Amino acid sequence: MKKVDFINYPKCTTCIKARKWLESNNVNFEARDIVLNNPTEEEIKDYLKRSGKELKKFFNTSGILYREMNLKEKLTTMSEAEMIKLLASNGKLVKRPLIVADKNVLIGFKEEEWAKFFKVGDEK
């Protein structure tokens, strides 16, 4: 596997757990703070295509900003272009962590999904 980008928010407990998982499984990665260097519209379009997931999966639905902006209701009437623009406007709106590697993007930390993706734990 080539370069792995670990896009995260360093203060997020799930991101901290994910980072420890990457380190304990010897995954070579480059960390990127999603708040200081949030994904651009072009990156989000690329991640969307590579992930195979629907765009709504990229929203941090448990975030304070998501709730304050009443996005649960607003997203139902927004176009894909509007959602992408919104995600690119603030890294705290983006579900994290993100793993960007090869032709794939993983959204959020699901240990089983990550183990399968990185092919760890199979040898037991």
C-alpha atoms as a PDB file:
ATOM      1  CA  MET A   1       0.000   0.000   0.000  1.00  0.00           C
ATOM      2  CA  LYS A   2       1.240   3.429  -0.909  1.00  0.00           C
ATOM      3  CA  LYS A   3       0.763   6.524   1.202  1.00  0.00           C
ATOM      4  CA  VAL A   4      -2.092   6.513   3.706  1.00  0.00           C
ATOM      5  CA  ASP A   5      -3.601   9.830   4.754  1.00  0.00           C
ATOM      6  CA  PHE A   6      -5.183   9.865   8.203  1.00  0.00           C
ATOM      7  CA  ILE A   7      -7.475  12.885   8.278  1.00  0.00           C
ATOM      8  CA  ASN A   8      -8.516  13.490  11.854  1.00  0.00           C
ATOM      9  CA  TYR A   9      -9.263  15.945  14.626  1.00  0.00           C
ATOM     10  CA  PRO A  10      -6.534  15.402  17.257  1.00  0.00           C
ATOM     11  CA  LYS A  11      -8.871  16.192  20.185  1.00  0.00           C
ATOM     12  CA  CYS A  12     -11.533  13.695  19.055  1.00  0.00           C
ATOM     13  CA  THR A  13     -11.545  10.552  21.233  1.00  0.00           C
ATOM     14  CA  THR A  14     -12.479   8.315  18.284  1.00  0.00           C
ATOM     15  CA  CYS A  15      -9.605   9.779  16.265  1.00  0.00           C
ATOM     16  CA  ILE A  16      -7.204   9.169  19.162  1.00  0.00           C
ATOM     17  CA  LYS A  17      -8.365   5.547  19.335  1.00  0.00           C
ATOM     18  CA  ALA A  18      -7.997   5.209  15.552  1.00  0.00           C
ATOM     19  CA  ARG A  19      -4.474   6.657  15.631  1.00  0.00           C
ATOM     20  CA  LYS A  20      -3.467   4.183  18.344  1.00  0.00           C
ATOM     21  CA  TRP A  21      -4.950   1.363  16.244  1.00  0.00           C
ATOM     22  CA  LEU A  22      -2.928   2.459  13.188  1.00  0.00           C
ATOM     23  CA  GLU A  23       0.257   2.669  15.262  1.00  0.00           C
ATOM     24  CA  SER A  24      -0.267  -0.686  17.003  1.00  0.00           C
ATOM     25  CA  ASN A  25      -0.878  -2.334  13.616  1.00  0.00           C
ATOM     26  CA  ASN A  26       2.229  -0.748  12.086  1.00  0.00           C
ATOM     27  CA  VAL A  27       0.320   1.181   9.429  1.00  0.00           C
ATOM     28  CA  ASN A  28       2.492   3.911   7.960  1.00  0.00           C
ATOM     29  CA  PHE A  29       0.371   7.052   7.721  1.00  0.00           C
ATOM     30  CA  GLU A  30       0.525  10.797   7.403  1.00  0.00           C
ATOM     31  CA  ALA A  31      -1.764  12.661   9.810  1.00  0.00           C
ATOM     32  CA  ARG A  32      -3.701  15.744   8.787  1.00  0.00           C
ATOM     33  CA  ASP A  33      -5.705  17.932  11.165  1.00  0.00           C
ATOM     34  CA  ILE A  34      -9.156  18.282   9.599  1.00  0.00           C
ATOM     35  CA  VAL A  35      -9.793  21.607  11.348  1.00  0.00           C
ATOM     36  CA  LEU A  36      -6.511  23.282  10.391  1.00  0.00           C
ATOM     37  CA  ASN A  37      -6.478  21.782   6.892  1.00  0.00           C
ATOM     38  CA  ASN A  38     -10.024  20.801   6.006  1.00  0.00           C
ATOM     39  CA  PRO A  39     -10.753  18.946   2.765  1.00  0.00           C
ATOM     40  CA  THR A  40     -11.383  21.095  -0.299  1.00  0.00           C
ATOM     41  CA  GLU A  41     -14.403  20.735  -2.577  1.00  0.00           C
ATOM     42  CA  GLU A  42     -12.249  18.850  -5.090  1.00  0.00           C
ATOM     43  CA  GLU A  43     -10.956  16.484  -2.406  1.00  0.00           C
ATOM     44  CA  ILE A  44     -14.479  15.801  -1.144  1.00  0.00           C
ATOM     45  CA  LYS A  45     -15.639  15.014  -4.685  1.00  0.00           C
ATOM     46  CA  ASP A  46     -12.690  12.628  -5.031  1.00  0.00           C
ATOM     47  CA  TYR A  47     -13.329  11.001  -1.628  1.00  0.00           C
ATOM     48  CA  LEU A  48     -17.001  10.572  -2.507  1.00  0.00           C
ATOM     49  CA  LYS A  49     -16.164   8.766  -5.735  1.00  0.00           C
ATOM     50  CA  ARG A  50     -13.487   6.595  -4.128  1.00  0.00           C
ATOM     51  CA  SER A  51     -15.566   5.657  -1.070  1.00  0.00           C
ATOM     52  CA  GLY A  52     -18.606   4.388  -2.941  1.00  0.00           C
ATOM     53  CA  LYS A  53     -20.736   5.848  -0.130  1.00  0.00           C
ATOM     54  CA  GLU A  54     -23.499   8.428  -0.295  1.00  0.00           C
ATOM     55  CA  LEU A  55     -22.491  12.039   0.385  1.00  0.00           C
ATOM     56  CA  LYS A  56     -24.548  12.258   3.601  1.00  0.00           C
ATOM     57  CA  LYS A  57     -22.186   9.679   5.163  1.00  0.00           C
ATOM     58  CA  PHE A  58     -19.460  12.346   5.126  1.00  0.00           C
ATOM     59  CA  PHE A  59     -21.313  14.559   7.602  1.00  0.00           C
ATOM     60  CA  ASN A  60     -20.385  14.467  11.288  1.00  0.00           C
ATOM     61  CA  THR A  61     -23.938  13.948  12.518  1.00  0.00           C
ATOM     62  CA  SER A  62     -22.866  13.816  16.164  1.00  0.00           C
ATOM     63  CA  GLY A  63     -21.093  17.173  15.993  1.00  0.00           C
ATOM     64  CA  ILE A  64     -22.307  20.301  17.759  1.00  0.00           C
ATOM     65  CA  LEU A  65     -22.067  22.365  14.563  1.00  0.00           C
ATOM     66  CA  TYR A  66     -24.220  19.843  12.669  1.00  0.00           C
ATOM     67  CA  ARG A  67     -26.949  20.175  15.299  1.00  0.00           C
ATOM     68  CA  GLU A  68     -26.620  23.964  15.634  1.00  0.00           C
ATOM     69  CA  MET A  69     -27.037  24.369  11.878  1.00  0.00           C
ATOM     70  CA  ASN A  70     -30.054  22.010  11.862  1.00  0.00           C
ATOM     71  CA  LEU A  71     -28.442  20.048   9.054  1.00  0.00           C
ATOM     72  CA  LYS A  72     -30.524  16.926   9.589  1.00  0.00           C
ATOM     73  CA  GLU A  73     -33.436  18.758   7.992  1.00  0.00           C
ATOM     74  CA  LYS A  74     -31.499  21.046   5.659  1.00  0.00           C
ATOM     75  CA  LEU A  75     -29.586  18.229   3.940  1.00  0.00           C
ATOM     76  CA  THR A  76     -32.831  16.767   2.610  1.00  0.00           C
ATOM     77  CA  THR A  77     -33.317  19.761   0.335  1.00  0.00           C
ATOM     78  CA  MET A  78     -29.697  20.570  -0.533  1.00  0.00           C
ATOM     79  CA  SER A  79     -28.092  19.682  -3.844  1.00  0.00           C
ATOM     80  CA  GLU A  80     -24.917  17.594  -3.972  1.00  0.00           C
ATOM     81  CA  ALA A  81     -22.939  20.712  -4.962  1.00  0.00           C
ATOM     82  CA  GLU A  82     -24.317  22.629  -1.947  1.00  0.00           C
ATOM     83  CA  MET A  83     -23.452  19.763   0.416  1.00  0.00           C
ATOM     84  CA  ILE A  84     -19.910  19.532  -0.950  1.00  0.00           C
ATOM     85  CA  LYS A  85     -19.441  23.287  -0.585  1.00  0.00           C
ATOM     86  CA  LEU A  86     -20.730  23.089   2.998  1.00  0.00           C
ATOM     87  CA  LEU A  87     -18.414  20.183   3.915  1.00  0.00           C
ATOM     88  CA  ALA A  88     -15.447  22.078   2.475  1.00  0.00           C
ATOM     89  CA  SER A  89     -16.331  25.179   4.517  1.00  0.00           C
ATOM     90  CA  ASN A  90     -15.569  23.654   7.938  1.00  0.00           C
ATOM     91  CA  GLY A  91     -13.643  20.507   8.871  1.00  0.00           C
ATOM     92  CA  LYS A  92     -15.807  19.978  11.958  1.00  0.00           C
ATOM     93  CA  LEU A  93     -18.745  19.189   9.679  1.00  0.00           C
ATOM     94  CA  VAL A  94     -16.863  16.223   8.192  1.00  0.00           C
ATOM     95  CA  LYS A  95     -17.163  12.783   9.793  1.00  0.00           C
ATOM     96  CA  ARG A  96     -13.799  11.652  11.030  1.00  0.00           C
ATOM     97  CA  PRO A  97     -11.413  10.079  10.939  1.00  0.00           C
ATOM     98  CA  LEU A  98     -10.981   9.566   7.224  1.00  0.00           C
ATOM     99  CA  ILE A  99      -8.516   7.127   5.739  1.00  0.00           C
ATOM    100  CA  VAL A 100      -7.508   8.014   2.204  1.00  0.00           C
ATOM    101  CA  ALA A 101      -5.424   5.293   0.587  1.00  0.00           C
ATOM    102  CA  ASP A 102      -4.937   3.941  -2.900  1.00  0.00           C
ATOM    103  CA  LYS A 103      -8.364   3.976  -4.520  1.00  0.00           C
ATOM    104  CA  ASN A 104     -10.334   3.811  -1.273  1.00  0.00           C
ATOM    105  CA  VAL A 105     -11.641   6.080   1.444  1.00  0.00           C
ATOM    106  CA  LEU A 106     -12.813   4.866   4.847  1.00  0.00           C
ATOM    107  CA  ILE A 107     -15.204   7.092   6.796  1.00  0.00           C
ATOM    108  CA  GLY A 108     -15.192   6.893  10.585  1.00  0.00           C
ATOM    109  CA  PHE A 109     -13.414   4.309  12.717  1.00  0.00           C
ATOM    110  CA  LYS A 110     -14.860   0.819  12.511  1.00  0.00           C
ATOM    111  CA  GLU A 111     -12.173  -1.553  13.730  1.00  0.00           C
ATOM    112  CA  GLU A 112     -13.408  -4.582  11.744  1.00  0.00           C
ATOM    113  CA  GLU A 113     -13.603  -2.569   8.531  1.00  0.00           C
ATOM    114  CA  TRP A 114     -10.126  -1.135   9.081  1.00  0.00           C
ATOM    115  CA  ALA A 115      -8.647  -4.573   9.905  1.00  0.00           C
ATOM    116  CA  LYS A 116     -10.079  -5.971   6.675  1.00  0.00           C
ATOM    117  CA  PHE A 117      -8.896  -2.961   4.667  1.00  0.00           C
ATOM    118  CA  PHE A 118      -5.363  -3.050   6.061  1.00  0.00           C
ATOM    119  CA  LYS A 119      -5.329  -6.874   6.109  1.00  0.00           C
ATOM    120  CA  VAL A 120      -4.386  -7.169   9.773  1.00  0.00           C
ATOM    121  CA  GLY A 121      -5.374  -9.895  12.180  1.00  0.00           C
ATOM    122  CA  ASP A 122      -5.995 -12.469   9.421  1.00  0.00           C
ATOM    123  CA  GLU A 123      -2.974 -14.545  10.303  1.00  0.00           C
ATOM    124  CA  LYS A 124      -4.396 -15.709  13.651  1.00  0.00           C
END
